[in-house]
Amino acid sequence: MSRGLPNRSSTEPGAYPAVVEVTDAMQVIWLESVPYAEALARQRELHERRVSGDVPDTVLLLEHPHVITLGRRALESHLLSDDETLAAAGVNVVDTDRGGEATYHGPGQLVVYPIIDLRALGLGPVSYVAALEHAIIDTLAVYLVDAHRVSGRTGIWVGGDGADPGAGNNPAGRKIAAIGVRISRGVAMHGLALNVSTELSMYDHIVPCGMPGLEMTSIAAEQGAAPPVEIVGELLAEKLAGALGIRLENAATTRSSA
C-alpha cells in the first residue's frame, strides 16, 4: 500500500499534510548525548525564539543519558521501581510538560525535538503527529523494518495489524517509537523517541506509555544490528522535512556539543 500523503483537504482523521510547496529552510542540529533538563532548556529557548520569528524551524537530534520522563497523563503507578533501584541503575526521573504518560530515554535511542511553527504550515495537532508517524515509518522502511500506526493510539509499532484493540487493551505487536508533543502559541516542541539500539530491559522500570505489559522493541532487536543513532537521525530529519514540506537548510546536519 502506498504511503503517499493525501491532500490537505482530506477529512480523514490524522491525514498527512500534502507536500505542495516548500517553505523556509529547516535547520537540523545533532547534539550528541545531552541530559534531559539541559535539552529541555534548549528547547524552551528555541521555542520562544521561533514564536518571535528570530530562528527558523529547528530539529534537535540527540540521545539522553538514562532518564524516565513523566508526561502530563502519567500516574504514580506507572513507575514500577523504587528510588533505590533506579539510583543503582543510574536512572533519573523527571516530570515534564509534554503529552503522554511515562517513557524511558537512554543511550541507543534517537530523540528528535522539532521546534516547528505549525501556524505557518497550516497544521493542527492531529495532522502534525501523523506527519511525525509517517516520517518514522518511512525511516524504518529504509532499515527493512516494516512498521505501522495503530488506530486510536499514538506512536509506531511493528509486527501487529494496526487495529484499535479497544479500551484497556494493548495493540498487537511491539512498540518501537513513542511520540509526545506540546504545542504553545502555534509552535511545537518535544517530539519523538525511536529505539535504535536501546537497552530494552530499562523499560522494566515503568509502565511504558501507560500500557501494562507493552512489549518494546528496537531496530537492533528486529534486525540483529542497527546503524549509528546519528545516521538514523539525519535520515529521519529528511523524512520529516519532506512530510512537512520544509526544505532542509544546506541539506546538512549541524553538529554541536552545546
Foldseek 3Di string as FASTA:
>chain_A
DDPAADDPPDPPFLGFHHQDAADAAEAEEEQEEDAPVVVVVVQVVVLVCVLVPNDAKYKYKYFYAKEKEAEPPEDPQQFADDPVVCVVVVYYYYYDHWDFGIDITHPQKIWMKIFHQQVVLVDDPSNLQSLLQSLVQVLVVVLVFHWDAAPPDGAIFGDFDNYDPDPLDDGPGAGFKGFIWDADSRIITGTMMGRFPDPQCSSVRGCHRVRPPHHHDHSCRVPVHGDHSVVSVLSSVVSSCSSSNYHHDVSDHHYDND
